[in-house]
Each structure stands twice: as C-alpha cells, then as structure tokens.
C-alpha cells in the first residue's frame, strides 16, 4: 500500500473507531427514550421511565417546581428511587405498568436484533481494514467499506424502529405516557450511523484505482498498435 493511501486509511480507521465506540455506548445503555406522564402537581412524586434495547428503568422523582424544559415529570437527573430490570417491557401486560407489552416486544426485539447485525458487520469491517495493511492486500479495503456502510444502515434502521415504538406508545390510549424525548444513547446511535456510513464510503473511494491526472494526454502518448501488412 502506498504511503499516501496508508495515511488516508489510518485517518478513516480512527473515525471508524469513534463510530464503533458510539454504537457500543448506545447498545449497552438505557437512555434511548425518556417517557413521562402528564404532571401538574408540585411537592409530590411522579414516575418517569427511560429505556434502551435491553433494559427499562422506572424512576420516582419528587417534583418541587416545574421542569424548565417542559418535559413533565423530571428531568431524570433529579434524585429519586430507581428500579431497573432487563426485558421488563417484554413481560405480560399487567406487569408492564402502562406499556403495551406486545408492541414493545415486537419493536424492541427487532431493534436489538438489527443492532446485533450492525455489530457483526463492524467486526468484519475491522478485520478487513487491519488485514489490508499487509503487503498486496489493498483489495480488502473495498469489502471493508461495504461492511461499514451496511453497519451504518443497520444502525439507522434500529433507530427508526425504536422511534416508531416510542411514537406508538405515546399515541396509544392504553398508556399513561404523553411526553417523551430522545436522550443521549439515541444521539450516540445517530452519530455512529453518520460516522460509519461516511467511513465506509471513504474506504470505497480510497480503494478505487487511481485515475491518471490527464487521461487525454496519456491516451495520445500511447504507442500506436503495429499494423501487419496485408498479403
């Protein structure tokens, strides 16, 4: 690999590592969406919920004054009793405390599965990039770029599934949640999508054969084909 190309790959590889770190942070945390019920009382407690791909947390907050951001109960940074459980939103309806269990099971399992697929594509892409630094292995940059582009697409699909899950819960008359916002885990996933797709496309461009600077003059300078005399 040429030194100039190697430098470009190293810079792109650094961006890829940042994108992967953002996605891993989004996958293992539970601050994708924050939900809260309507609340107009003060000096009283209320329950707010935040959840991710694997875990749901319910937090009891004591409200002294109105949330300046207008998000109802909260913000969740206020002190309060917190109860987290894995897959609690996949249990039967009477234990879901206002969640549509069927909707959450379908949507969250789909989002989690798609996120796992994106992780698999990231691992394959990393292996290809690392191996491409070997002599004569530039061709591995092309599949690496495709793997990272596919990983980014899986991430944005997972984000959209979670967004639709939240919207459906808010719109349902069977739930108590009326206010919501997307938190920092959601933002990490969106950032990862942008970085990985950008890096994947960059690797594809880097792996393309270098075009001559002046193709027309190159063609004119080529030696003409020798013509054999006809008998």
C-alpha atoms as a PDB file:
ATOM      1  CA  UNK A   1       0.000   0.000   0.000  1.00  0.00           C
ATOM      2  CA  UNK A   2       1.298   3.426  -0.936  1.00  0.00           C
ATOM      3  CA  UNK A   3       2.232   5.708   1.941  1.00  0.00           C
ATOM      4  CA  UNK A   4      -0.334   8.350   0.961  1.00  0.00           C
ATOM      5  CA  UNK A   5      -3.115   5.783   0.793  1.00  0.00           C
ATOM      6  CA  UNK A   6      -1.997   4.243   4.088  1.00  0.00           C
ATOM      7  CA  UNK A   7      -2.284   7.655   5.794  1.00  0.00           C
ATOM      8  CA  UNK A   8      -5.830   8.103   4.487  1.00  0.00           C
ATOM      9  CA  UNK A   9      -6.782   4.631   5.691  1.00  0.00           C
ATOM     10  CA  UNK A  10      -5.362   5.336   9.147  1.00  0.00           C
ATOM     11  CA  UNK A  11      -7.383   8.552   9.466  1.00  0.00           C
ATOM     12  CA  UNK A  12     -10.526   6.763   8.300  1.00  0.00           C
ATOM     13  CA  UNK A  13      -9.797   3.923  10.717  1.00  0.00           C
ATOM     14  CA  UNK A  14      -9.696   6.407  13.602  1.00  0.00           C
ATOM     15  CA  UNK A  15     -13.101   7.782  12.580  1.00  0.00           C
ATOM     16  CA  UNK A  16     -14.395   4.203  12.403  1.00  0.00           C
ATOM     17  CA  UNK A  17     -13.215   3.510  15.954  1.00  0.00           C
ATOM     18  CA  UNK A  18     -15.087   6.611  17.166  1.00  0.00           C
ATOM     19  CA  UNK A  19     -18.232   5.445  15.362  1.00  0.00           C
ATOM     20  CA  UNK A  20     -17.975   1.955  16.831  1.00  0.00           C
ATOM     21  CA  UNK A  21     -17.454   3.393  20.319  1.00  0.00           C
ATOM     22  CA  UNK A  22     -20.612   5.498  19.936  1.00  0.00           C
ATOM     23  CA  UNK A  23     -22.638   2.479  18.838  1.00  0.00           C
ATOM     24  CA  UNK A  24     -21.347   0.279  21.656  1.00  0.00           C
ATOM     25  CA  UNK A  25     -22.261   3.036  24.131  1.00  0.00           C
ATOM     26  CA  UNK A  26     -25.754   3.206  22.641  1.00  0.00           C
ATOM     27  CA  UNK A  27     -26.214  -0.570  22.741  1.00  0.00           C
ATOM     28  CA  UNK A  28     -25.248  -1.084  26.386  1.00  0.00           C
ATOM     29  CA  UNK A  29     -27.018   1.973  27.844  1.00  0.00           C
ATOM     30  CA  UNK A  30     -30.700   2.586  28.505  1.00  0.00           C
ATOM     31  CA  UNK A  31     -31.186   6.274  27.680  1.00  0.00           C
ATOM     32  CA  UNK A  32     -32.634   5.991  24.188  1.00  0.00           C
ATOM     33  CA  UNK A  33     -36.069   7.339  25.094  1.00  0.00           C
ATOM     34  CA  UNK A  34     -37.439   9.072  28.194  1.00  0.00           C
ATOM     35  CA  UNK A  35     -41.190   8.954  28.850  1.00  0.00           C
ATOM     36  CA  UNK A  36     -43.214  10.850  31.411  1.00  0.00           C
ATOM     37  CA  UNK A  37     -46.934  11.125  32.264  1.00  0.00           C
ATOM     38  CA  UNK A  38     -48.834  14.404  32.408  1.00  0.00           C
ATOM     39  CA  UNK A  39     -47.944  16.145  35.659  1.00  0.00           C
ATOM     40  CA  UNK A  40     -49.181  19.446  37.037  1.00  0.00           C
ATOM     41  CA  UNK A  41     -48.694  18.983  40.782  1.00  0.00           C
ATOM     42  CA  UNK A  42     -45.718  20.052  42.845  1.00  0.00           C
ATOM     43  CA  UNK A  43     -44.273  18.873  46.144  1.00  0.00           C
ATOM     44  CA  UNK A  44     -45.333  15.402  45.033  1.00  0.00           C
ATOM     45  CA  UNK A  45     -43.751  12.363  43.384  1.00  0.00           C
ATOM     46  CA  UNK A  46     -44.161  11.136  39.840  1.00  0.00           C
ATOM     47  CA  UNK A  47     -42.737   8.276  37.781  1.00  0.00           C
ATOM     48  CA  UNK A  48     -40.628   8.731  34.689  1.00  0.00           C
ATOM     49  CA  UNK A  49     -39.225   5.964  32.502  1.00  0.00           C
ATOM     50  CA  UNK A  50     -36.172   5.608  30.305  1.00  0.00           C
ATOM     51  CA  UNK A  51     -35.273   2.538  28.292  1.00  0.00           C
ATOM     52  CA  UNK A  52     -32.898   1.171  25.688  1.00  0.00           C
ATOM     53  CA  UNK A  53     -32.508  -2.005  23.673  1.00  0.00           C
ATOM     54  CA  UNK A  54     -32.185  -4.334  26.646  1.00  0.00           C
ATOM     55  CA  UNK A  55     -33.273  -2.599  29.825  1.00  0.00           C
ATOM     56  CA  UNK A  56     -36.058  -0.448  31.218  1.00  0.00           C
ATOM     57  CA  UNK A  57     -35.733   1.808  34.249  1.00  0.00           C
ATOM     58  CA  UNK A  58     -38.547   3.446  36.224  1.00  0.00           C
ATOM     59  CA  UNK A  59     -37.588   6.350  38.447  1.00  0.00           C
ATOM     60  CA  UNK A  60     -39.658   8.056  41.130  1.00  0.00           C
ATOM     61  CA  UNK A  61     -38.901  11.776  41.175  1.00  0.00           C
ATOM     62  CA  UNK A  62     -40.002  14.325  43.755  1.00  0.00           C
ATOM     63  CA  UNK A  63     -41.147  17.413  41.890  1.00  0.00           C
ATOM     64  CA  UNK A  64     -40.637  20.720  43.680  1.00  0.00           C
ATOM     65  CA  UNK A  65     -41.058  23.042  40.688  1.00  0.00           C
ATOM     66  CA  UNK A  66     -41.962  22.833  37.034  1.00  0.00           C
ATOM     67  CA  UNK A  67     -39.406  21.345  34.665  1.00  0.00           C
ATOM     68  CA  UNK A  68     -37.849  24.338  32.829  1.00  0.00           C
ATOM     69  CA  UNK A  69     -37.632  22.263  29.646  1.00  0.00           C
ATOM     70  CA  UNK A  70     -41.342  21.487  29.768  1.00  0.00           C
ATOM     71  CA  UNK A  71     -40.859  17.698  29.856  1.00  0.00           C
ATOM     72  CA  UNK A  72     -43.419  16.982  32.574  1.00  0.00           C
ATOM     73  CA  UNK A  73     -42.107  14.654  35.244  1.00  0.00           C
ATOM     74  CA  UNK A  74     -38.385  15.068  35.571  1.00  0.00           C
ATOM     75  CA  UNK A  75     -35.768  15.635  34.410  1.00  0.00           C
ATOM     76  CA  UNK A  76     -34.405  12.173  35.177  1.00  0.00           C
ATOM     77  CA  UNK A  77     -31.205  13.729  36.543  1.00  0.00           C
ATOM     78  CA  UNK A  78     -33.145  14.629  39.702  1.00  0.00           C
ATOM     79  CA  UNK A  79     -32.535  12.341  42.707  1.00  0.00           C
ATOM     80  CA  UNK A  80     -35.050   9.589  43.301  1.00  0.00           C
ATOM     81  CA  UNK A  81     -35.648   5.879  43.744  1.00  0.00           C
ATOM     82  CA  UNK A  82     -34.689   3.947  40.616  1.00  0.00           C
ATOM     83  CA  UNK A  83     -35.772   0.448  39.643  1.00  0.00           C
ATOM     84  CA  UNK A  84     -34.210  -1.157  36.551  1.00  0.00           C
ATOM     85  CA  UNK A  85     -34.834  -4.573  35.099  1.00  0.00           C
ATOM     86  CA  UNK A  86     -33.818  -6.340  31.922  1.00  0.00           C
ATOM     87  CA  UNK A  87     -36.580  -7.187  29.487  1.00  0.00           C
ATOM     88  CA  UNK A  88     -39.264  -5.953  31.883  1.00  0.00           C
ATOM     89  CA  UNK A  89     -41.032  -4.446  28.905  1.00  0.00           C
ATOM     90  CA  UNK A  90     -41.241  -7.933  27.368  1.00  0.00           C
ATOM     91  CA  UNK A  91     -43.342  -9.356  30.231  1.00  0.00           C
ATOM     92  CA  UNK A  92     -47.087  -9.761  30.361  1.00  0.00           C
ATOM     93  CA  UNK A  93     -49.260  -6.670  30.258  1.00  0.00           C
ATOM     94  CA  UNK A  94     -50.273  -6.479  33.908  1.00  0.00           C
ATOM     95  CA  UNK A  95     -46.606  -6.249  34.889  1.00  0.00           C
ATOM     96  CA  UNK A  96     -45.732  -3.655  32.266  1.00  0.00           C
ATOM     97  CA  UNK A  97     -47.222  -0.701  34.169  1.00  0.00           C
ATOM     98  CA  UNK A  98     -48.792   1.123  31.280  1.00  0.00           C
ATOM     99  CA  UNK A  99     -46.665  -0.262  28.460  1.00  0.00           C
ATOM    100  CA  UNK A 100     -48.102  -2.120  25.516  1.00  0.00           C
ATOM    101  CA  UNK A 101     -46.256  -5.395  26.048  1.00  0.00           C
ATOM    102  CA  UNK A 102     -46.998  -6.766  22.583  1.00  0.00           C
ATOM    103  CA  UNK A 103     -45.855  -3.616  20.812  1.00  0.00           C
ATOM    104  CA  UNK A 104     -42.706  -3.330  22.895  1.00  0.00           C
ATOM    105  CA  UNK A 105     -41.798  -6.964  22.395  1.00  0.00           C
ATOM    106  CA  UNK A 106     -42.119  -6.771  18.621  1.00  0.00           C
ATOM    107  CA  UNK A 107     -40.352  -3.462  18.201  1.00  0.00           C
ATOM    108  CA  UNK A 108     -37.601  -3.747  20.797  1.00  0.00           C
ATOM    109  CA  UNK A 109     -36.629  -7.293  19.849  1.00  0.00           C
ATOM    110  CA  UNK A 110     -36.406  -6.170  16.215  1.00  0.00           C
ATOM    111  CA  UNK A 111     -34.294  -3.115  17.108  1.00  0.00           C
ATOM    112  CA  UNK A 112     -31.973  -5.197  19.296  1.00  0.00           C
ATOM    113  CA  UNK A 113     -31.552  -7.891  16.626  1.00  0.00           C
ATOM    114  CA  UNK A 114     -30.750  -5.315  13.937  1.00  0.00           C
ATOM    115  CA  UNK A 115     -28.216  -3.662  16.275  1.00  0.00           C
ATOM    116  CA  UNK A 116     -26.504  -7.039  16.727  1.00  0.00           C
ATOM    117  CA  UNK A 117     -26.300  -7.405  12.928  1.00  0.00           C
ATOM    118  CA  UNK A 118     -24.642  -3.985  12.746  1.00  0.00           C
ATOM    119  CA  UNK A 119     -22.099  -5.128  15.340  1.00  0.00           C
ATOM    120  CA  UNK A 120     -21.310  -8.206  13.227  1.00  0.00           C
ATOM    121  CA  UNK A 121     -20.728  -6.014  10.156  1.00  0.00           C
ATOM    122  CA  UNK A 122     -18.435  -3.754  12.220  1.00  0.00           C
ATOM    123  CA  UNK A 123     -16.317  -6.711  13.319  1.00  0.00           C
ATOM    124  CA  UNK A 124     -15.965  -7.974   9.737  1.00  0.00           C
ATOM    125  CA  UNK A 125     -15.051  -4.475   8.577  1.00  0.00           C
ATOM    126  CA  UNK A 126     -12.405  -4.119  11.278  1.00  0.00           C
ATOM    127  CA  UNK A 127     -10.811  -7.422  10.299  1.00  0.00           C
ATOM    128  CA  UNK A 128     -10.673  -6.357   6.659  1.00  0.00           C
ATOM    129  CA  UNK A 129      -9.109  -2.971   7.468  1.00  0.00           C
ATOM    130  CA  UNK A 130      -6.468  -4.476   9.768  1.00  0.00           C
ATOM    131  CA  UNK A 131      -5.549  -7.135   7.185  1.00  0.00           C
ATOM    132  CA  UNK A 132      -5.403  -4.535   4.381  1.00  0.00           C
ATOM    133  CA  UNK A 133      -2.213  -3.075   5.864  1.00  0.00           C
ATOM    134  CA  UNK A 134      -0.394  -6.225   4.761  1.00  0.00           C
ATOM    135  CA  UNK A 135       1.587  -6.175   1.527  1.00  0.00           C
ATOM    136  CA  UNK A 136      -0.590  -6.509  -1.555  1.00  0.00           C
ATOM    137  CA  UNK A 137      -3.882  -6.585   0.355  1.00  0.00           C
ATOM    138  CA  UNK A 138      -5.349  -3.252  -0.711  1.00  0.00           C
ATOM    139  CA  UNK A 139      -8.293  -5.130  -2.229  1.00  0.00           C
ATOM    140  CA  UNK A 140      -9.640  -5.722   1.316  1.00  0.00           C
ATOM    141  CA  UNK A 141     -10.485  -2.028   1.645  1.00  0.00           C
ATOM    142  CA  UNK A 142     -13.427  -2.451  -0.698  1.00  0.00           C
ATOM    143  CA  UNK A 143     -15.278  -5.132   1.323  1.00  0.00           C
ATOM    144  CA  UNK A 144     -14.359  -3.225   4.498  1.00  0.00           C
ATOM    145  CA  UNK A 145     -16.096  -0.121   3.149  1.00  0.00           C
ATOM    146  CA  UNK A 146     -19.169  -2.163   2.252  1.00  0.00           C
ATOM    147  CA  UNK A 147     -19.286  -3.772   5.703  1.00  0.00           C
ATOM    148  CA  UNK A 148     -19.160  -0.395   7.469  1.00  0.00           C
ATOM    149  CA  UNK A 149     -21.792   1.054   5.141  1.00  0.00           C
ATOM    150  CA  UNK A 150     -24.051  -1.932   5.893  1.00  0.00           C
ATOM    151  CA  UNK A 151     -23.398  -1.466   9.629  1.00  0.00           C
ATOM    152  CA  UNK A 152     -24.466   2.164   9.368  1.00  0.00           C
ATOM    153  CA  UNK A 153     -27.661   1.203   7.534  1.00  0.00           C
ATOM    154  CA  UNK A 154     -28.495  -1.366  10.213  1.00  0.00           C
ATOM    155  CA  UNK A 155     -27.984   1.273  12.898  1.00  0.00           C
ATOM    156  CA  UNK A 156     -30.353   3.784  11.294  1.00  0.00           C
ATOM    157  CA  UNK A 157     -32.962   1.036  10.821  1.00  0.00           C
ATOM    158  CA  UNK A 158     -32.653   0.161  14.520  1.00  0.00           C
ATOM    159  CA  UNK A 159     -33.036   3.850  15.399  1.00  0.00           C
ATOM    160  CA  UNK A 160     -36.146   4.139  13.238  1.00  0.00           C
ATOM    161  CA  UNK A 161     -37.676   1.023  14.821  1.00  0.00           C
ATOM    162  CA  UNK A 162     -37.143   2.476  18.300  1.00  0.00           C
ATOM    163  CA  UNK A 163     -38.592   5.786  17.190  1.00  0.00           C
ATOM    164  CA  UNK A 164     -41.731   4.094  15.869  1.00  0.00           C
ATOM    165  CA  UNK A 165     -42.007   2.067  19.074  1.00  0.00           C
ATOM    166  CA  UNK A 166     -41.981   5.256  21.132  1.00  0.00           C
ATOM    167  CA  UNK A 167     -44.455   7.018  18.864  1.00  0.00           C
ATOM    168  CA  UNK A 168     -46.861   4.100  19.004  1.00  0.00           C
ATOM    169  CA  UNK A 169     -46.794   4.048  22.792  1.00  0.00           C
ATOM    170  CA  UNK A 170     -47.377   7.777  23.013  1.00  0.00           C
ATOM    171  CA  UNK A 171     -50.294   7.619  20.554  1.00  0.00           C
ATOM    172  CA  UNK A 172     -51.933   4.656  22.310  1.00  0.00           C
ATOM    173  CA  UNK A 173     -54.886   5.346  24.585  1.00  0.00           C
ATOM    174  CA  UNK A 174     -53.881   2.422  26.813  1.00  0.00           C
ATOM    175  CA  UNK A 175     -50.700   4.053  28.089  1.00  0.00           C
ATOM    176  CA  UNK A 176     -50.207   6.874  30.585  1.00  0.00           C
ATOM    177  CA  UNK A 177     -47.262   8.407  28.767  1.00  0.00           C
ATOM    178  CA  UNK A 178     -47.906  11.678  26.957  1.00  0.00           C
ATOM    179  CA  UNK A 179     -44.494  13.365  26.873  1.00  0.00           C
ATOM    180  CA  UNK A 180     -41.222  11.979  25.575  1.00  0.00           C
ATOM    181  CA  UNK A 181     -37.820  12.928  24.250  1.00  0.00           C
ATOM    182  CA  UNK A 182     -34.818  11.082  22.872  1.00  0.00           C
ATOM    183  CA  UNK A 183     -31.805  11.071  25.144  1.00  0.00           C
ATOM    184  CA  UNK A 184     -28.031  10.718  24.712  1.00  0.00           C
ATOM    185  CA  UNK A 185     -27.988   6.981  23.865  1.00  0.00           C
ATOM    186  CA  UNK A 186     -30.227   7.727  20.886  1.00  0.00           C
ATOM    187  CA  UNK A 187     -27.892  10.541  19.853  1.00  0.00           C
ATOM    188  CA  UNK A 188     -24.885   8.206  20.107  1.00  0.00           C
ATOM    189  CA  UNK A 189     -26.573   5.762  17.719  1.00  0.00           C
ATOM    190  CA  UNK A 190     -27.328   8.546  15.212  1.00  0.00           C
ATOM    191  CA  UNK A 191     -23.723   9.796  15.434  1.00  0.00           C
ATOM    192  CA  UNK A 192     -22.447   6.279  14.856  1.00  0.00           C
ATOM    193  CA  UNK A 193     -24.622   5.969  11.740  1.00  0.00           C
ATOM    194  CA  UNK A 194     -23.151   9.142  10.231  1.00  0.00           C
ATOM    195  CA  UNK A 195     -19.532   8.232  11.038  1.00  0.00           C
ATOM    196  CA  UNK A 196     -19.724   4.627   9.826  1.00  0.00           C
ATOM    197  CA  UNK A 197     -21.502   5.410   6.560  1.00  0.00           C
ATOM    198  CA  UNK A 198     -19.068   8.259   5.874  1.00  0.00           C
ATOM    199  CA  UNK A 199     -16.095   5.994   6.684  1.00  0.00           C
ATOM    200  CA  UNK A 200     -17.455   3.159   4.563  1.00  0.00           C
ATOM    201  CA  UNK A 201     -17.857   5.418   1.541  1.00  0.00           C
ATOM    202  CA  UNK A 202     -14.393   6.872   2.161  1.00  0.00           C
ATOM    203  CA  UNK A 203     -12.833   3.404   2.121  1.00  0.00           C
ATOM    204  CA  UNK A 204     -14.620   2.594  -1.124  1.00  0.00           C
ATOM    205  CA  UNK A 205     -13.246   5.771  -2.707  1.00  0.00           C
ATOM    206  CA  UNK A 206      -9.733   5.120  -1.378  1.00  0.00           C
ATOM    207  CA  UNK A 207      -9.804   1.557  -2.743  1.00  0.00           C
ATOM    208  CA  UNK A 208     -10.638   2.714  -6.268  1.00  0.00           C
ATOM    209  CA  UNK A 209      -7.732   2.621  -8.745  1.00  0.00           C
ATOM    210  CA  UNK A 210      -6.083   5.997  -9.176  1.00  0.00           C
ATOM    211  CA  UNK A 211      -7.058   7.742 -12.393  1.00  0.00           C
ATOM    212  CA  UNK A 212      -4.355   9.409 -14.479  1.00  0.00           C
ATOM    213  CA  UNK A 213      -4.136  13.158 -13.916  1.00  0.00           C
ATOM    214  CA  UNK A 214      -4.502  13.900 -17.637  1.00  0.00           C
ATOM    215  CA  UNK A 215      -6.172  10.900 -19.273  1.00  0.00           C
ATOM    216  CA  UNK A 216      -6.402  12.502 -22.741  1.00  0.00           C
ATOM    217  CA  UNK A 217      -2.665  13.187 -22.968  1.00  0.00           C
ATOM    218  CA  UNK A 218      -1.959   9.710 -21.622  1.00  0.00           C
ATOM    219  CA  UNK A 219      -4.004   8.193 -24.421  1.00  0.00           C
ATOM    220  CA  UNK A 220      -2.305  10.397 -27.052  1.00  0.00           C
ATOM    221  CA  UNK A 221       1.145   9.424 -25.782  1.00  0.00           C
ATOM    222  CA  UNK A 222       0.430   5.737 -26.097  1.00  0.00           C
ATOM    223  CA  UNK A 223       2.326   3.950 -28.859  1.00  0.00           C
ATOM    224  CA  UNK A 224       0.151   3.056 -31.847  1.00  0.00           C
ATOM    225  CA  UNK A 225      -0.546  -0.599 -32.493  1.00  0.00           C
ATOM    226  CA  UNK A 226       1.711  -2.083 -35.157  1.00  0.00           C
ATOM    227  CA  UNK A 227      -0.211  -2.953 -38.310  1.00  0.00           C
ATOM    228  CA  UNK A 228       0.907  -6.022 -40.163  1.00  0.00           C
ATOM    229  CA  UNK A 229       0.927  -5.636 -43.970  1.00  0.00           C
ATOM    230  CA  UNK A 230      -1.846  -7.458 -45.759  1.00  0.00           C
ATOM    231  CA  UNK A 231      -0.830 -10.157 -48.186  1.00  0.00           C
END
